[in-house]
N, C-alpha and C. Protein backbone atom coordinates (compact mmCIF):
# COMPACT_ATOMS: atom_id res chain seq x y z
N MET A 1 -7.23 3.90 3.49
CA MET A 1 -7.13 2.73 4.35
C MET A 1 -8.13 1.66 3.94
N THR A 2 -9.29 2.06 3.43
CA THR A 2 -10.27 1.06 3.03
C THR A 2 -9.76 0.25 1.84
N ALA A 3 -8.97 0.87 0.97
CA ALA A 3 -8.41 0.15 -0.17
C ALA A 3 -7.40 -0.90 0.28
N LEU A 4 -6.79 -0.69 1.44
CA LEU A 4 -5.78 -1.61 1.95
C LEU A 4 -6.34 -2.67 2.90
N LYS A 5 -7.60 -2.55 3.28
CA LYS A 5 -8.15 -3.40 4.33
C LYS A 5 -7.90 -4.89 4.10
N SER A 6 -8.21 -5.39 2.93
CA SER A 6 -8.04 -6.83 2.67
C SER A 6 -6.57 -7.24 2.71
N PHE A 7 -5.68 -6.37 2.24
CA PHE A 7 -4.24 -6.66 2.28
C PHE A 7 -3.73 -6.69 3.71
N LEU A 8 -4.25 -5.78 4.53
CA LEU A 8 -3.83 -5.72 5.93
C LEU A 8 -4.35 -6.93 6.71
N GLU A 9 -5.59 -7.34 6.44
CA GLU A 9 -6.16 -8.49 7.14
C GLU A 9 -5.40 -9.77 6.84
N ARG A 10 -4.96 -9.93 5.58
CA ARG A 10 -4.20 -11.13 5.19
C ARG A 10 -2.72 -11.00 5.53
N LYS A 11 -2.33 -9.83 6.03
CA LYS A 11 -0.93 -9.53 6.35
C LYS A 11 -0.03 -9.59 5.12
N ASP A 12 -0.61 -9.21 3.95
CA ASP A 12 0.16 -9.11 2.72
C ASP A 12 0.87 -7.76 2.63
N PHE A 13 0.40 -6.80 3.41
CA PHE A 13 0.98 -5.47 3.43
C PHE A 13 1.09 -5.02 4.88
N ILE A 14 2.27 -4.55 5.26
CA ILE A 14 2.51 -4.11 6.63
C ILE A 14 2.83 -2.62 6.58
N ILE A 15 2.05 -1.82 7.29
CA ILE A 15 2.28 -0.38 7.32
C ILE A 15 3.46 -0.07 8.25
N LEU A 16 4.40 0.69 7.71
CA LEU A 16 5.56 1.12 8.48
C LEU A 16 5.39 2.56 8.96
N SER A 17 4.68 3.36 8.17
CA SER A 17 4.48 4.77 8.52
C SER A 17 3.25 5.27 7.78
N ALA A 18 2.46 6.10 8.44
CA ALA A 18 1.29 6.72 7.82
C ALA A 18 1.26 8.19 8.21
N LEU A 19 1.17 9.05 7.20
CA LEU A 19 1.16 10.49 7.40
C LEU A 19 -0.04 11.10 6.69
N LYS A 20 -0.42 12.28 7.13
CA LYS A 20 -1.49 13.01 6.48
C LYS A 20 -0.88 14.31 5.94
N ARG A 21 -0.94 14.50 4.63
CA ARG A 21 -0.40 15.69 4.00
C ARG A 21 -1.54 16.56 3.49
N VAL A 22 -1.37 17.87 3.57
CA VAL A 22 -2.34 18.81 3.03
C VAL A 22 -1.70 19.52 1.85
N LYS A 23 -2.37 19.45 0.70
CA LYS A 23 -1.85 20.08 -0.51
C LYS A 23 -3.02 20.72 -1.24
N TYR A 24 -2.93 22.00 -1.48
CA TYR A 24 -3.98 22.75 -2.15
C TYR A 24 -5.33 22.60 -1.44
N GLY A 25 -5.31 22.54 -0.13
CA GLY A 25 -6.54 22.44 0.65
C GLY A 25 -7.13 21.05 0.74
N LYS A 26 -6.50 20.07 0.12
CA LYS A 26 -6.99 18.68 0.17
C LYS A 26 -6.05 17.84 1.02
N ILE A 27 -6.61 16.84 1.67
CA ILE A 27 -5.82 15.96 2.52
C ILE A 27 -5.46 14.70 1.73
N TYR A 28 -4.17 14.39 1.71
CA TYR A 28 -3.67 13.21 1.02
C TYR A 28 -2.93 12.32 2.03
N PRO A 29 -3.31 11.05 2.12
CA PRO A 29 -2.56 10.16 3.01
C PRO A 29 -1.28 9.71 2.32
N GLU A 30 -0.23 9.60 3.09
CA GLU A 30 1.04 9.06 2.63
C GLU A 30 1.32 7.83 3.48
N ILE A 31 1.28 6.68 2.86
CA ILE A 31 1.46 5.42 3.59
C ILE A 31 2.68 4.71 3.04
N TYR A 32 3.60 4.39 3.93
CA TYR A 32 4.78 3.63 3.56
C TYR A 32 4.66 2.26 4.21
N GLY A 33 4.93 1.24 3.42
CA GLY A 33 4.80 -0.10 3.97
C GLY A 33 5.62 -1.11 3.21
N MET A 34 5.43 -2.34 3.59
CA MET A 34 6.19 -3.44 3.04
C MET A 34 5.21 -4.52 2.56
N VAL A 35 5.44 -5.01 1.36
CA VAL A 35 4.64 -6.11 0.81
C VAL A 35 5.32 -7.41 1.20
N THR A 36 4.53 -8.37 1.63
CA THR A 36 5.09 -9.66 2.04
C THR A 36 4.54 -10.77 1.15
N GLY A 37 5.33 -11.81 0.97
CA GLY A 37 4.90 -12.94 0.16
C GLY A 37 5.92 -14.06 0.18
N ASP A 38 5.53 -15.19 -0.41
CA ASP A 38 6.39 -16.37 -0.42
C ASP A 38 7.31 -16.45 -1.64
N THR A 39 6.86 -15.87 -2.75
CA THR A 39 7.63 -15.95 -3.99
C THR A 39 7.73 -14.57 -4.64
N ILE A 40 8.68 -14.43 -5.55
CA ILE A 40 8.83 -13.18 -6.31
C ILE A 40 7.55 -12.92 -7.10
N GLU A 41 7.00 -13.95 -7.70
CA GLU A 41 5.77 -13.79 -8.49
C GLU A 41 4.61 -13.31 -7.61
N GLY A 42 4.55 -13.84 -6.41
CA GLY A 42 3.51 -13.43 -5.47
C GLY A 42 3.65 -11.97 -5.07
N LEU A 43 4.88 -11.55 -4.83
CA LEU A 43 5.14 -10.15 -4.49
C LEU A 43 4.79 -9.23 -5.66
N GLN A 44 5.16 -9.64 -6.87
CA GLN A 44 4.86 -8.83 -8.04
C GLN A 44 3.36 -8.71 -8.25
N TYR A 45 2.63 -9.79 -8.00
CA TYR A 45 1.17 -9.77 -8.13
C TYR A 45 0.56 -8.81 -7.11
N LEU A 46 1.02 -8.88 -5.85
CA LEU A 46 0.50 -7.99 -4.82
C LEU A 46 0.82 -6.53 -5.13
N GLU A 47 2.02 -6.25 -5.61
CA GLU A 47 2.38 -4.88 -5.97
C GLU A 47 1.48 -4.37 -7.09
N LYS A 48 1.18 -5.24 -8.05
CA LYS A 48 0.29 -4.85 -9.15
C LYS A 48 -1.12 -4.57 -8.63
N GLU A 49 -1.61 -5.39 -7.73
CA GLU A 49 -2.94 -5.18 -7.15
C GLU A 49 -2.99 -3.87 -6.36
N LEU A 50 -1.96 -3.59 -5.59
CA LEU A 50 -1.91 -2.33 -4.84
C LEU A 50 -1.86 -1.14 -5.79
N HIS A 51 -1.11 -1.27 -6.87
CA HIS A 51 -1.04 -0.21 -7.87
C HIS A 51 -2.40 0.01 -8.52
N ASN A 52 -3.13 -1.07 -8.80
CA ASN A 52 -4.47 -0.98 -9.39
C ASN A 52 -5.44 -0.26 -8.46
N LYS A 53 -5.18 -0.28 -7.16
CA LYS A 53 -6.02 0.39 -6.18
C LYS A 53 -5.62 1.86 -6.01
N GLY A 54 -4.63 2.29 -6.79
CA GLY A 54 -4.24 3.70 -6.76
C GLY A 54 -3.01 4.02 -5.95
N LEU A 55 -2.33 3.01 -5.46
CA LEU A 55 -1.13 3.25 -4.67
C LEU A 55 0.09 3.27 -5.58
N GLN A 56 1.06 4.10 -5.24
CA GLN A 56 2.27 4.19 -6.03
C GLN A 56 3.34 3.30 -5.43
N ASN A 57 4.16 2.77 -6.30
CA ASN A 57 5.23 1.86 -5.89
C ASN A 57 6.57 2.60 -5.95
N PHE A 58 7.28 2.62 -4.84
CA PHE A 58 8.60 3.24 -4.78
C PHE A 58 9.62 2.22 -4.30
N SER A 59 9.75 1.11 -4.96
CA SER A 59 10.63 0.00 -4.56
C SER A 59 11.73 0.41 -3.68
């Protein structure tokens, strides 16, 4: 969630669902959401930034 804080504050990313999964004794968050923007280029930039923060993209 800390990696998403700036995106959430600017409303560039809207969380639709958040789950906590346990795998091999470790807790992994599963967050599904929607990226918002004015242009295709803006959306692609935000998706790239989210990916750089370790989030996976499942268009």
